[in-house]
Amino acid sequence: MHGQDLTEEEIFNRLAAIRAAAEILDDNDTLPQRERHAFLAVIQSETARLHGLVRGVVSQFAVPTPQPEGCRSKG
């Protein structure tokens, strides 16, 4: 499996986990508080992981912005 495929799969897996946890919370008004916290923890941890994955993908495509001539360091 290529790196891009792995990243794409990871992103979709994280999104699926977040969506599933949110749907469970939405569909179960009588869910015990302990279980609600567990699903919220899934949402929080998967969101953090997804943020890291997306940040890595974006950094691969980031184009450095040129600095104006007056801002260049003298060396």
Foldseek 3Di string as FASTA:
>chain_A
DDPVVVLVVLLVVLVVLLVVLVVVCVVCPPDDPVVNVVSVVSNVVSVVVNVVSVVVVVVVVDDDDDDPPVPDDDD
